[in-house]
Amino acid sequence: MASLVDADITEIRQASPGLSGAAIPSMGGGLLLVLGALGYGYATGDVSRFWHAYLLGLMFITSLGVGGLFFVIAHHLTGGRWGTTVRRLAEITAGTLTTAAVLFLPILALNFSGSDALYPWIDRAYVVNAPILASKQYYLETTWFAIRAVVYFVAWIGMSRLMLGASVKQDDNQPLKHAQWMQTVSGPMMIVLALTMNFAAFDWMMSLEPHWFSTMFGVYFFAGSFLGFLAMLLLLSSYLQDQGVLTQSITTEHFHDIGKLMFAFVFFWGYIAFSQYMLIWYAAIPEETLWYDLRQQGAWPFWGLLLVFSHLLIPFLGFMSGGPRRSSASGPAGCC
């Protein structure tokens, strides 16, 4: 356990090994639950529901990783200083993309097995006989899908490791040199991240309904990814301070700045969601309206309204005031 003694304060900068002691039991328990759900799905003949739930959980985990990677790259690209204290938390979060890559392997195995339990375009007869899908048959293809997935994860993991490695070196020697290098490479990295994140959203989520398409879907995924990461960053910072870590470095201003970013991206997420719906509704192209038409039937309207209130209106009103943005649930000295 490392500590920093600076004039009047002593602050713990490195979490104790005990904070990560629950990692292995949690992963073991999660694996047992996944295997149990998979077995139940095959036993009941409803395995498609399992794979859709698995993909949803995987995309949530992946979104937090790419959200953390975006935070790191944007921090260096803009030359910001306020996020330096919490940057290491973002770098560690981006490091979870390695785990996400491993968890994606069952999806690839399912596709190569020829099962269309998740993606209907795996059935080539279905693709060839559908006029709209015929033009997409070379893109929606198992091997090409797997190659693109490998490219996405290699790019994300490579960028996250490069940034974390340079950041660690910055702690030991020549901090200005490493800072300049990270700022230089952050420009090309941002372009790579934007392209790979968009195409990953198209491949892994939008192709679940291959007839439907939206050029805004990748931006919609990005908005949710970064917003989810910011929420996790707040919770992680608060938890670490509860454990006596970074009680001086992470201050009220950091919580306030993260809260302001969350306020902005709550609005941005709502803007993208509404714009996508409005443009598709206005154009009234059958291939585009199909996706929303299905979600205006049965119980879908209820869940849609719940999403509007819980994901947009309530957070928007809550973050509008400076009071919630400057508060912390932990309450150690120096944080609020």
C-alpha atoms as a PDB file:
ATOM      1  CA  MET A   1       0.000   0.000   0.000  1.00  0.00           C
ATOM      2  CA  ALA A   2       1.544   3.255  -1.117  1.00  0.00           C
ATOM      3  CA  SER A   3       1.024   6.621   0.523  1.00  0.00           C
ATOM      4  CA  LEU A   4       1.910  10.232  -0.201  1.00  0.00           C
ATOM      5  CA  VAL A   5       3.066  12.554   2.558  1.00  0.00           C
ATOM      6  CA  ASP A   6       2.629  16.161   1.535  1.00  0.00           C
ATOM      7  CA  ALA A   7       3.017  18.915   4.152  1.00  0.00           C
ATOM      8  CA  ASP A   8      -0.124  18.511   6.231  1.00  0.00           C
ATOM      9  CA  ILE A   9      -1.822  15.523   4.628  1.00  0.00           C
ATOM     10  CA  THR A  10      -1.254  11.814   4.247  1.00  0.00           C
ATOM     11  CA  GLU A  11      -3.264  10.254   1.473  1.00  0.00           C
ATOM     12  CA  ILE A  12      -3.599   6.696   0.286  1.00  0.00           C
ATOM     13  CA  ARG A  13      -3.145   6.654  -3.474  1.00  0.00           C
ATOM     14  CA  GLN A  14      -3.221   2.904  -4.091  1.00  0.00           C
ATOM     15  CA  ALA A  15      -6.071   0.631  -3.096  1.00  0.00           C
ATOM     16  CA  SER A  16      -5.253  -2.298  -0.857  1.00  0.00           C
ATOM     17  CA  PRO A  17      -5.347  -5.835  -2.311  1.00  0.00           C
ATOM     18  CA  GLY A  18      -8.424  -6.533  -0.184  1.00  0.00           C
ATOM     19  CA  LEU A  19     -10.562  -4.263  -2.373  1.00  0.00           C
ATOM     20  CA  SER A  20     -10.125  -6.634  -5.313  1.00  0.00           C
ATOM     21  CA  GLY A  21     -10.485  -9.804  -3.267  1.00  0.00           C
ATOM     22  CA  ALA A  22     -14.057 -10.362  -4.412  1.00  0.00           C
ATOM     23  CA  ALA A  23     -13.129 -10.420  -8.111  1.00  0.00           C
ATOM     24  CA  ILE A  24     -12.505 -14.152  -8.466  1.00  0.00           C
ATOM     25  CA  PRO A  25     -15.592 -15.266  -6.459  1.00  0.00           C
ATOM     26  CA  SER A  26     -17.723 -12.812  -8.455  1.00  0.00           C
ATOM     27  CA  MET A  27     -16.429 -14.129 -11.774  1.00  0.00           C
ATOM     28  CA  GLY A  28     -16.952 -17.708 -10.620  1.00  0.00           C
ATOM     29  CA  GLY A  29     -20.497 -16.970  -9.515  1.00  0.00           C
ATOM     30  CA  GLY A  30     -21.235 -15.150 -12.759  1.00  0.00           C
ATOM     31  CA  LEU A  31     -19.922 -18.062 -14.817  1.00  0.00           C
ATOM     32  CA  LEU A  32     -22.137 -20.507 -12.926  1.00  0.00           C
ATOM     33  CA  LEU A  33     -25.188 -18.295 -13.509  1.00  0.00           C
ATOM     34  CA  VAL A  34     -24.447 -18.017 -17.229  1.00  0.00           C
ATOM     35  CA  LEU A  35     -23.986 -21.766 -17.585  1.00  0.00           C
ATOM     36  CA  GLY A  36     -27.163 -22.386 -15.604  1.00  0.00           C
ATOM     37  CA  ALA A  37     -29.150 -19.976 -17.790  1.00  0.00           C
ATOM     38  CA  LEU A  38     -27.697 -21.558 -20.925  1.00  0.00           C
ATOM     39  CA  GLY A  39     -28.647 -25.036 -19.743  1.00  0.00           C
ATOM     40  CA  TYR A  40     -32.153 -23.854 -18.890  1.00  0.00           C
ATOM     41  CA  GLY A  41     -32.496 -22.288 -22.328  1.00  0.00           C
ATOM     42  CA  TYR A  42     -31.556 -25.483 -24.131  1.00  0.00           C
ATOM     43  CA  ALA A  43     -33.732 -27.570 -21.804  1.00  0.00           C
ATOM     44  CA  THR A  44     -36.811 -25.433 -22.469  1.00  0.00           C
ATOM     45  CA  GLY A  45     -36.086 -24.907 -26.152  1.00  0.00           C
ATOM     46  CA  ASP A  46     -35.885 -21.111 -25.698  1.00  0.00           C
ATOM     47  CA  VAL A  47     -32.150 -20.716 -26.204  1.00  0.00           C
ATOM     48  CA  SER A  48     -32.641 -17.632 -28.388  1.00  0.00           C
ATOM     49  CA  ARG A  49     -33.757 -15.636 -25.357  1.00  0.00           C
ATOM     50  CA  PHE A  50     -30.582 -16.619 -23.493  1.00  0.00           C
ATOM     51  CA  TRP A  51     -28.311 -15.471 -26.300  1.00  0.00           C
ATOM     52  CA  HIS A  52     -30.111 -12.151 -26.609  1.00  0.00           C
ATOM     53  CA  ALA A  53     -29.762 -11.592 -22.852  1.00  0.00           C
ATOM     54  CA  TYR A  54     -26.089 -12.622 -23.000  1.00  0.00           C
ATOM     55  CA  LEU A  55     -25.405 -10.182 -25.830  1.00  0.00           C
ATOM     56  CA  LEU A  56     -27.184  -7.384 -23.971  1.00  0.00           C
ATOM     57  CA  GLY A  57     -25.076  -7.951 -20.855  1.00  0.00           C
ATOM     58  CA  LEU A  58     -21.913  -8.176 -22.927  1.00  0.00           C
ATOM     59  CA  MET A  59     -22.695  -4.938 -24.750  1.00  0.00           C
ATOM     60  CA  PHE A  60     -23.255  -3.177 -21.431  1.00  0.00           C
ATOM     61  CA  ILE A  61     -19.855  -4.307 -20.136  1.00  0.00           C
ATOM     62  CA  THR A  62     -18.188  -3.398 -23.429  1.00  0.00           C
ATOM     63  CA  SER A  63     -19.847   0.024 -23.454  1.00  0.00           C
ATOM     64  CA  LEU A  64     -18.286   0.889 -20.090  1.00  0.00           C
ATOM     65  CA  GLY A  65     -14.860  -0.077 -21.426  1.00  0.00           C
ATOM     66  CA  VAL A  66     -15.092   1.975 -24.612  1.00  0.00           C
ATOM     67  CA  GLY A  67     -16.594   4.836 -22.584  1.00  0.00           C
ATOM     68  CA  GLY A  68     -13.534   4.786 -20.336  1.00  0.00           C
ATOM     69  CA  LEU A  69     -11.244   4.661 -23.370  1.00  0.00           C
ATOM     70  CA  PHE A  70     -13.013   7.677 -24.869  1.00  0.00           C
ATOM     71  CA  PHE A  71     -12.533   9.580 -21.591  1.00  0.00           C
ATOM     72  CA  VAL A  72      -8.788   8.861 -21.627  1.00  0.00           C
ATOM     73  CA  ILE A  73      -8.294   9.823 -25.262  1.00  0.00           C
ATOM     74  CA  ALA A  74     -10.467  12.941 -24.983  1.00  0.00           C
ATOM     75  CA  HIS A  75      -8.592  13.982 -21.831  1.00  0.00           C
ATOM     76  CA  HIS A  76      -5.254  13.971 -23.669  1.00  0.00           C
ATOM     77  CA  LEU A  77      -6.673  15.362 -26.899  1.00  0.00           C
ATOM     78  CA  THR A  78      -8.105  18.442 -25.198  1.00  0.00           C
ATOM     79  CA  GLY A  79      -5.169  18.897 -22.826  1.00  0.00           C
ATOM     80  CA  GLY A  80      -7.507  18.978 -19.846  1.00  0.00           C
ATOM     81  CA  ARG A  81      -6.109  18.972 -16.327  1.00  0.00           C
ATOM     82  CA  TRP A  82      -9.146  18.487 -14.116  1.00  0.00           C
ATOM     83  CA  GLY A  83      -9.482  14.817 -15.078  1.00  0.00           C
ATOM     84  CA  THR A  84      -5.890  13.871 -14.289  1.00  0.00           C
ATOM     85  CA  THR A  85      -6.842  12.619 -10.822  1.00  0.00           C
ATOM     86  CA  VAL A  86      -9.543  10.259 -12.065  1.00  0.00           C
ATOM     87  CA  ARG A  87      -7.809   9.386 -15.340  1.00  0.00           C
ATOM     88  CA  ARG A  88      -6.253   6.239 -13.906  1.00  0.00           C
ATOM     89  CA  LEU A  89      -9.724   4.974 -13.021  1.00  0.00           C
ATOM     90  CA  ALA A  90     -10.741   5.472 -16.653  1.00  0.00           C
ATOM     91  CA  GLU A  91      -7.593   3.706 -17.853  1.00  0.00           C
ATOM     92  CA  ILE A  92      -8.346   0.726 -15.621  1.00  0.00           C
ATOM     93  CA  THR A  93     -11.948   0.650 -16.851  1.00  0.00           C
ATOM     94  CA  ALA A  94     -10.738   0.616 -20.454  1.00  0.00           C
ATOM     95  CA  GLY A  95      -8.564  -2.349 -19.499  1.00  0.00           C
ATOM     96  CA  THR A  96     -11.715  -4.442 -18.975  1.00  0.00           C
ATOM     97  CA  LEU A  97     -12.071  -4.607 -22.767  1.00  0.00           C
ATOM     98  CA  THR A  98      -9.744  -7.619 -22.654  1.00  0.00           C
ATOM     99  CA  THR A  99     -12.360  -9.437 -20.576  1.00  0.00           C
ATOM    100  CA  ALA A 100     -15.080  -8.295 -22.983  1.00  0.00           C
ATOM    101  CA  ALA A 101     -13.099  -9.782 -25.877  1.00  0.00           C
ATOM    102  CA  VAL A 102     -12.967 -13.156 -24.135  1.00  0.00           C
ATOM    103  CA  LEU A 103     -16.688 -12.998 -23.376  1.00  0.00           C
ATOM    104  CA  PHE A 104     -17.374 -12.300 -27.054  1.00  0.00           C
ATOM    105  CA  LEU A 105     -15.888 -15.642 -28.118  1.00  0.00           C
ATOM    106  CA  PRO A 106     -19.127 -17.600 -27.398  1.00  0.00           C
ATOM    107  CA  ILE A 107     -20.957 -15.250 -29.804  1.00  0.00           C
ATOM    108  CA  LEU A 108     -18.468 -16.081 -32.550  1.00  0.00           C
ATOM    109  CA  ALA A 109     -18.681 -19.782 -31.731  1.00  0.00           C
ATOM    110  CA  LEU A 110     -22.474 -19.622 -31.985  1.00  0.00           C
ATOM    111  CA  ASN A 111     -22.268 -17.958 -35.386  1.00  0.00           C
ATOM    112  CA  PHE A 112     -19.750 -20.445 -36.757  1.00  0.00           C
ATOM    113  CA  SER A 113     -21.939 -23.304 -35.545  1.00  0.00           C
ATOM    114  CA  GLY A 114     -24.552 -22.134 -38.043  1.00  0.00           C
ATOM    115  CA  SER A 115     -27.179 -21.336 -35.427  1.00  0.00           C
ATOM    116  CA  ASP A 116     -29.413 -18.344 -36.107  1.00  0.00           C
ATOM    117  CA  ALA A 117     -30.582 -18.175 -32.471  1.00  0.00           C
ATOM    118  CA  LEU A 118     -29.090 -14.673 -32.248  1.00  0.00           C
ATOM    119  CA  TYR A 119     -28.537 -13.254 -35.728  1.00  0.00           C
ATOM    120  CA  PRO A 120     -31.144 -14.213 -38.383  1.00  0.00           C
ATOM    121  CA  TRP A 121     -28.710 -13.449 -41.212  1.00  0.00           C
ATOM    122  CA  ILE A 122     -26.722 -16.549 -40.297  1.00  0.00           C
ATOM    123  CA  ASP A 123     -29.366 -18.399 -42.326  1.00  0.00           C
ATOM    124  CA  ARG A 124     -28.084 -17.689 -45.838  1.00  0.00           C
ATOM    125  CA  ALA A 125     -31.340 -18.754 -47.476  1.00  0.00           C
ATOM    126  CA  TYR A 126     -33.124 -16.088 -45.436  1.00  0.00           C
ATOM    127  CA  VAL A 127     -30.653 -13.469 -46.667  1.00  0.00           C
ATOM    128  CA  VAL A 128     -30.649 -14.449 -50.326  1.00  0.00           C
ATOM    129  CA  ASN A 129     -34.438 -14.577 -50.568  1.00  0.00           C
ATOM    130  CA  ALA A 130     -34.931 -11.142 -48.983  1.00  0.00           C
ATOM    131  CA  PRO A 131     -34.398  -8.356 -51.574  1.00  0.00           C
ATOM    132  CA  ILE A 132     -33.289  -5.835 -48.951  1.00  0.00           C
ATOM    133  CA  LEU A 133     -30.771  -8.227 -47.429  1.00  0.00           C
ATOM    134  CA  ALA A 134     -29.382  -9.424 -50.736  1.00  0.00           C
ATOM    135  CA  SER A 135     -27.339  -6.225 -51.011  1.00  0.00           C
ATOM    136  CA  LYS A 136     -25.955  -6.827 -47.510  1.00  0.00           C
ATOM    137  CA  GLN A 137     -25.098 -10.510 -47.940  1.00  0.00           C
ATOM    138  CA  TYR A 138     -21.355  -9.941 -48.297  1.00  0.00           C
ATOM    139  CA  TYR A 139     -21.213  -7.693 -45.235  1.00  0.00           C
ATOM    140  CA  LEU A 140     -23.461  -9.856 -43.056  1.00  0.00           C
ATOM    141  CA  GLU A 141     -21.312 -12.949 -43.369  1.00  0.00           C
ATOM    142  CA  THR A 142     -19.919 -15.078 -40.527  1.00  0.00           C
ATOM    143  CA  THR A 143     -16.202 -14.925 -41.329  1.00  0.00           C
ATOM    144  CA  TRP A 144     -16.226 -11.235 -42.222  1.00  0.00           C
ATOM    145  CA  PHE A 145     -18.250 -10.528 -39.055  1.00  0.00           C
ATOM    146  CA  ALA A 146     -15.606 -12.331 -36.956  1.00  0.00           C
ATOM    147  CA  ILE A 147     -12.715 -10.505 -38.661  1.00  0.00           C
ATOM    148  CA  ARG A 148     -14.303  -7.144 -37.953  1.00  0.00           C
ATOM    149  CA  ALA A 149     -14.900  -8.094 -34.313  1.00  0.00           C
ATOM    150  CA  VAL A 150     -11.220  -9.031 -33.951  1.00  0.00           C
ATOM    151  CA  VAL A 151     -10.193  -5.695 -35.497  1.00  0.00           C
ATOM    152  CA  TYR A 152     -12.424  -3.776 -33.078  1.00  0.00           C
ATOM    153  CA  PHE A 153     -11.106  -5.491 -29.966  1.00  0.00           C
ATOM    154  CA  VAL A 154      -7.464  -5.411 -31.098  1.00  0.00           C
ATOM    155  CA  ALA A 155      -7.774  -1.667 -31.721  1.00  0.00           C
ATOM    156  CA  TRP A 156      -9.476  -0.971 -28.394  1.00  0.00           C
ATOM    157  CA  ILE A 157      -7.193  -3.182 -26.301  1.00  0.00           C
ATOM    158  CA  GLY A 158      -4.093  -1.882 -28.093  1.00  0.00           C
ATOM    159  CA  MET A 159      -5.036   1.765 -27.507  1.00  0.00           C
ATOM    160  CA  SER A 160      -5.971   1.170 -23.873  1.00  0.00           C
ATOM    161  CA  ARG A 161      -2.690  -0.617 -23.153  1.00  0.00           C
ATOM    162  CA  LEU A 162      -0.613   2.030 -24.909  1.00  0.00           C
ATOM    163  CA  MET A 163      -2.284   4.811 -22.932  1.00  0.00           C
ATOM    164  CA  LEU A 164      -2.015   2.990 -19.617  1.00  0.00           C
ATOM    165  CA  GLY A 165       1.628   2.093 -20.256  1.00  0.00           C
ATOM    166  CA  ALA A 166       2.563   5.692 -21.063  1.00  0.00           C
ATOM    167  CA  SER A 167       0.594   6.914 -18.051  1.00  0.00           C
ATOM    168  CA  VAL A 168       2.456   4.571 -15.709  1.00  0.00           C
ATOM    169  CA  LYS A 169       5.806   5.666 -17.176  1.00  0.00           C
ATOM    170  CA  GLN A 170       4.733   9.259 -16.627  1.00  0.00           C
ATOM    171  CA  ASP A 171       4.638   8.540 -12.889  1.00  0.00           C
ATOM    172  CA  ASP A 172       8.326   7.551 -12.858  1.00  0.00           C
ATOM    173  CA  ASN A 173      10.250   9.807 -15.235  1.00  0.00           C
ATOM    174  CA  GLN A 174       9.953  12.456 -17.936  1.00  0.00           C
ATOM    175  CA  PRO A 175       6.260  13.205 -17.335  1.00  0.00           C
ATOM    176  CA  LEU A 176       6.167  16.058 -19.865  1.00  0.00           C
ATOM    177  CA  LYS A 177       7.614  13.871 -22.627  1.00  0.00           C
ATOM    178  CA  HIS A 178       5.056  11.130 -22.091  1.00  0.00           C
ATOM    179  CA  ALA A 179       2.237  13.685 -21.805  1.00  0.00           C
ATOM    180  CA  GLN A 180       3.197  15.204 -25.163  1.00  0.00           C
ATOM    181  CA  TRP A 181       3.364  11.751 -26.770  1.00  0.00           C
ATOM    182  CA  MET A 182      -0.089  10.822 -25.487  1.00  0.00           C
ATOM    183  CA  GLN A 183      -1.523  14.095 -26.741  1.00  0.00           C
ATOM    184  CA  THR A 184       0.045  13.526 -30.176  1.00  0.00           C
ATOM    185  CA  VAL A 185      -1.349  10.011 -30.635  1.00  0.00           C
ATOM    186  CA  SER A 186      -4.762  10.858 -29.148  1.00  0.00           C
ATOM    187  CA  GLY A 187      -5.888  12.489 -32.416  1.00  0.00           C
ATOM    188  CA  PRO A 188      -5.507   9.393 -34.615  1.00  0.00           C
ATOM    189  CA  MET A 189      -6.761   7.235 -31.750  1.00  0.00           C
ATOM    190  CA  MET A 190      -9.970   9.252 -31.539  1.00  0.00           C
ATOM    191  CA  ILE A 191     -10.640   8.671 -35.245  1.00  0.00           C
ATOM    192  CA  VAL A 192     -10.026   4.929 -34.866  1.00  0.00           C
ATOM    193  CA  LEU A 193     -12.253   4.780 -31.786  1.00  0.00           C
ATOM    194  CA  ALA A 194     -15.084   6.645 -33.514  1.00  0.00           C
ATOM    195  CA  LEU A 195     -15.045   4.336 -36.547  1.00  0.00           C
ATOM    196  CA  THR A 196     -14.719   1.073 -34.627  1.00  0.00           C
ATOM    197  CA  MET A 197     -17.376   2.020 -32.070  1.00  0.00           C
ATOM    198  CA  ASN A 198     -19.853   2.917 -34.812  1.00  0.00           C
ATOM    199  CA  PHE A 199     -19.294  -0.243 -36.827  1.00  0.00           C
ATOM    200  CA  ALA A 200     -19.352  -2.417 -33.705  1.00  0.00           C
ATOM    201  CA  ALA A 201     -22.783  -1.008 -32.856  1.00  0.00           C
ATOM    202  CA  PHE A 202     -23.956  -1.716 -36.406  1.00  0.00           C
ATOM    203  CA  ASP A 203     -22.569  -5.260 -36.413  1.00  0.00           C
ATOM    204  CA  TRP A 204     -23.452  -6.476 -32.945  1.00  0.00           C
ATOM    205  CA  MET A 205     -26.729  -4.688 -32.198  1.00  0.00           C
ATOM    206  CA  MET A 206     -28.335  -3.244 -35.303  1.00  0.00           C
ATOM    207  CA  SER A 207     -27.861  -6.455 -37.314  1.00  0.00           C
ATOM    208  CA  LEU A 208     -30.147  -8.256 -34.857  1.00  0.00           C
ATOM    209  CA  GLU A 209     -32.843  -6.803 -37.116  1.00  0.00           C
ATOM    210  CA  PRO A 210     -30.973  -6.840 -40.442  1.00  0.00           C
ATOM    211  CA  HIS A 211     -33.782  -5.179 -42.416  1.00  0.00           C
ATOM    212  CA  TRP A 212     -33.582  -2.089 -40.235  1.00  0.00           C
ATOM    213  CA  PHE A 213     -30.857   0.512 -40.522  1.00  0.00           C
ATOM    214  CA  SER A 214     -30.034   3.890 -39.013  1.00  0.00           C
ATOM    215  CA  THR A 215     -26.885   5.919 -39.546  1.00  0.00           C
ATOM    216  CA  MET A 216     -27.401   7.481 -36.091  1.00  0.00           C
ATOM    217  CA  PHE A 217     -27.360   4.179 -34.220  1.00  0.00           C
ATOM    218  CA  GLY A 218     -23.595   4.268 -33.647  1.00  0.00           C
ATOM    219  CA  VAL A 219     -23.804   7.757 -32.134  1.00  0.00           C
ATOM    220  CA  TYR A 220     -26.709   6.575 -29.976  1.00  0.00           C
ATOM    221  CA  PHE A 221     -24.538   3.719 -28.680  1.00  0.00           C
ATOM    222  CA  PHE A 222     -21.646   6.119 -28.025  1.00  0.00           C
ATOM    223  CA  ALA A 223     -23.841   8.499 -26.028  1.00  0.00           C
ATOM    224  CA  GLY A 224     -25.072   5.682 -23.808  1.00  0.00           C
ATOM    225  CA  SER A 225     -21.554   4.249 -23.430  1.00  0.00           C
ATOM    226  CA  PHE A 226     -19.977   7.458 -22.201  1.00  0.00           C
ATOM    227  CA  LEU A 227     -22.931   8.311 -19.985  1.00  0.00           C
ATOM    228  CA  GLY A 228     -22.764   4.850 -18.390  1.00  0.00           C
ATOM    229  CA  PHE A 229     -19.024   5.206 -17.816  1.00  0.00           C
ATOM    230  CA  LEU A 230     -19.445   8.605 -16.143  1.00  0.00           C
ATOM    231  CA  ALA A 231     -22.038   7.138 -13.781  1.00  0.00           C
ATOM    232  CA  MET A 232     -19.673   4.282 -12.924  1.00  0.00           C
ATOM    233  CA  LEU A 233     -16.797   6.754 -12.461  1.00  0.00           C
ATOM    234  CA  LEU A 234     -18.833   8.659  -9.875  1.00  0.00           C
ATOM    235  CA  LEU A 235     -19.740   5.463  -8.022  1.00  0.00           C
ATOM    236  CA  LEU A 236     -16.176   4.154  -8.153  1.00  0.00           C
ATOM    237  CA  SER A 237     -14.714   7.436  -6.902  1.00  0.00           C
ATOM    238  CA  SER A 238     -17.212   7.554  -4.060  1.00  0.00           C
ATOM    239  CA  TYR A 239     -16.527   3.912  -3.148  1.00  0.00           C
ATOM    240  CA  LEU A 240     -12.760   4.436  -3.092  1.00  0.00           C
ATOM    241  CA  GLN A 241     -13.157   7.435  -0.813  1.00  0.00           C
ATOM    242  CA  ASP A 242     -15.349   5.343   1.491  1.00  0.00           C
ATOM    243  CA  GLN A 243     -12.382   2.966   1.694  1.00  0.00           C
ATOM    244  CA  GLY A 244     -10.013   5.822   2.532  1.00  0.00           C
ATOM    245  CA  VAL A 245      -8.407   6.044  -0.924  1.00  0.00           C
ATOM    246  CA  LEU A 246      -7.927   9.341  -2.827  1.00  0.00           C
ATOM    247  CA  THR A 247      -9.725  11.308  -0.133  1.00  0.00           C
ATOM    248  CA  GLN A 248      -7.750  14.475  -0.921  1.00  0.00           C
ATOM    249  CA  SER A 249      -7.053  14.210  -4.661  1.00  0.00           C
ATOM    250  CA  ILE A 250     -10.696  13.700  -5.655  1.00  0.00           C
ATOM    251  CA  THR A 251     -12.476  16.809  -4.436  1.00  0.00           C
ATOM    252  CA  THR A 252     -15.912  18.371  -4.656  1.00  0.00           C
ATOM    253  CA  GLU A 253     -14.888  20.015  -7.929  1.00  0.00           C
ATOM    254  CA  HIS A 254     -14.186  16.631  -9.514  1.00  0.00           C
ATOM    255  CA  PHE A 255     -17.653  15.368  -8.575  1.00  0.00           C
ATOM    256  CA  HIS A 256     -19.072  18.626  -9.910  1.00  0.00           C
ATOM    257  CA  ASP A 257     -17.218  18.347 -13.233  1.00  0.00           C
ATOM    258  CA  ILE A 258     -18.237  14.722 -13.742  1.00  0.00           C
ATOM    259  CA  GLY A 259     -21.813  15.679 -12.863  1.00  0.00           C
ATOM    260  CA  LYS A 260     -21.772  18.450 -15.465  1.00  0.00           C
ATOM    261  CA  LEU A 261     -20.568  16.001 -18.093  1.00  0.00           C
ATOM    262  CA  MET A 262     -23.348  13.601 -17.110  1.00  0.00           C
ATOM    263  CA  PHE A 263     -25.895  16.406 -17.409  1.00  0.00           C
ATOM    264  CA  ALA A 264     -24.615  17.215 -20.902  1.00  0.00           C
ATOM    265  CA  PHE A 265     -24.686  13.613 -22.072  1.00  0.00           C
ATOM    266  CA  VAL A 266     -28.115  12.919 -20.611  1.00  0.00           C
ATOM    267  CA  PHE A 267     -29.358  15.712 -22.870  1.00  0.00           C
ATOM    268  CA  PHE A 268     -27.192  14.514 -25.770  1.00  0.00           C
ATOM    269  CA  TRP A 269     -28.517  10.951 -25.450  1.00  0.00           C
ATOM    270  CA  GLY A 270     -32.092  12.248 -25.459  1.00  0.00           C
ATOM    271  CA  TYR A 271     -31.381  14.467 -28.455  1.00  0.00           C
ATOM    272  CA  ILE A 272     -29.937  11.583 -30.492  1.00  0.00           C
ATOM    273  CA  ALA A 273     -32.778   9.232 -29.500  1.00  0.00           C
ATOM    274  CA  PHE A 274     -35.428  11.789 -30.472  1.00  0.00           C
ATOM    275  CA  SER A 275     -33.644  12.784 -33.687  1.00  0.00           C
ATOM    276  CA  GLN A 276     -33.405   9.153 -34.798  1.00  0.00           C
ATOM    277  CA  TYR A 277     -37.102   8.582 -34.109  1.00  0.00           C
ATOM    278  CA  MET A 278     -38.226  11.880 -35.655  1.00  0.00           C
ATOM    279  CA  LEU A 279     -36.288  11.442 -38.892  1.00  0.00           C
ATOM    280  CA  ILE A 280     -37.469   7.852 -39.367  1.00  0.00           C
ATOM    281  CA  TRP A 281     -41.072   8.832 -38.597  1.00  0.00           C
ATOM    282  CA  TYR A 282     -40.914  11.784 -40.988  1.00  0.00           C
ATOM    283  CA  ALA A 283     -39.360   9.803 -43.862  1.00  0.00           C
ATOM    284  CA  ALA A 284     -41.847   6.927 -43.381  1.00  0.00           C
ATOM    285  CA  ILE A 285     -39.666   4.387 -45.236  1.00  0.00           C
ATOM    286  CA  PRO A 286     -41.024   0.891 -44.452  1.00  0.00           C
ATOM    287  CA  GLU A 287     -37.561  -0.623 -43.863  1.00  0.00           C
ATOM    288  CA  GLU A 288     -36.829   2.055 -41.271  1.00  0.00           C
ATOM    289  CA  THR A 289     -40.214   2.286 -39.559  1.00  0.00           C
ATOM    290  CA  LEU A 290     -40.412  -1.487 -38.958  1.00  0.00           C
ATOM    291  CA  TRP A 291     -38.192  -1.315 -35.884  1.00  0.00           C
ATOM    292  CA  TYR A 292     -40.283   1.375 -34.180  1.00  0.00           C
ATOM    293  CA  ASP A 293     -43.580  -0.107 -35.321  1.00  0.00           C
ATOM    294  CA  LEU A 294     -42.874  -3.311 -33.397  1.00  0.00           C
ATOM    295  CA  ARG A 295     -41.991  -1.252 -30.324  1.00  0.00           C
ATOM    296  CA  GLN A 296     -45.318   0.535 -30.317  1.00  0.00           C
ATOM    297  CA  GLN A 297     -47.255  -2.660 -29.725  1.00  0.00           C
ATOM    298  CA  GLY A 298     -48.004  -4.755 -26.645  1.00  0.00           C
ATOM    299  CA  ALA A 299     -46.041  -3.808 -23.520  1.00  0.00           C
ATOM    300  CA  TRP A 300     -43.375  -1.902 -25.453  1.00  0.00           C
ATOM    301  CA  PRO A 301     -44.966   1.570 -25.007  1.00  0.00           C
ATOM    302  CA  PHE A 302     -44.814   1.152 -21.216  1.00  0.00           C
ATOM    303  CA  TRP A 303     -41.092   0.344 -21.306  1.00  0.00           C
ATOM    304  CA  GLY A 304     -40.541   3.197 -23.726  1.00  0.00           C
ATOM    305  CA  LEU A 305     -42.169   5.701 -21.376  1.00  0.00           C
ATOM    306  CA  LEU A 306     -40.204   4.253 -18.460  1.00  0.00           C
ATOM    307  CA  LEU A 307     -37.004   4.786 -20.437  1.00  0.00           C
ATOM    308  CA  VAL A 308     -37.953   8.385 -21.238  1.00  0.00           C
ATOM    309  CA  PHE A 309     -38.635   9.222 -17.598  1.00  0.00           C
ATOM    310  CA  SER A 310     -35.854   7.210 -15.917  1.00  0.00           C
ATOM    311  CA  HIS A 311     -33.110   7.763 -18.494  1.00  0.00           C
ATOM    312  CA  LEU A 312     -33.890  11.308 -19.634  1.00  0.00           C
ATOM    313  CA  LEU A 313     -36.359  13.475 -17.711  1.00  0.00           C
ATOM    314  CA  ILE A 314     -35.543  12.539 -14.106  1.00  0.00           C
ATOM    315  CA  PRO A 315     -31.719  12.642 -14.576  1.00  0.00           C
ATOM    316  CA  PHE A 316     -32.045  15.848 -16.616  1.00  0.00           C
ATOM    317  CA  LEU A 317     -33.957  17.623 -13.850  1.00  0.00           C
ATOM    318  CA  GLY A 318     -31.779  16.099 -11.142  1.00  0.00           C
ATOM    319  CA  PHE A 319     -28.471  17.201 -12.667  1.00  0.00           C
ATOM    320  CA  MET A 320     -29.761  20.661 -13.573  1.00  0.00           C
ATOM    321  CA  SER A 321     -29.071  21.974 -10.071  1.00  0.00           C
ATOM    322  CA  GLY A 322     -25.511  22.429  -8.859  1.00  0.00           C
ATOM    323  CA  GLY A 323     -26.331  20.926  -5.468  1.00  0.00           C
ATOM    324  CA  PRO A 324     -26.591  17.267  -6.553  1.00  0.00           C
ATOM    325  CA  ARG A 325     -23.548  17.647  -8.784  1.00  0.00           C
ATOM    326  CA  ARG A 326     -21.442  18.863  -5.871  1.00  0.00           C
ATOM    327  CA  SER A 327     -22.566  16.226  -3.404  1.00  0.00           C
ATOM    328  CA  SER A 328     -21.089  12.835  -2.613  1.00  0.00           C
ATOM    329  CA  ALA A 329     -22.647   9.909  -0.800  1.00  0.00           C
ATOM    330  CA  SER A 330     -19.324   9.033   0.855  1.00  0.00           C
ATOM    331  CA  GLY A 331     -18.683  12.227   2.770  1.00  0.00           C
ATOM    332  CA  PRO A 332     -14.974  11.880   3.728  1.00  0.00           C
ATOM    333  CA  ALA A 333     -12.989  15.000   4.385  1.00  0.00           C
ATOM    334  CA  GLY A 334     -12.068  16.864   1.255  1.00  0.00           C
ATOM    335  CA  CYS A 335     -14.690  15.340  -1.028  1.00  0.00           C
ATOM    336  CA  CYS A 336     -17.744  17.479  -0.268  1.00  0.00           C
END
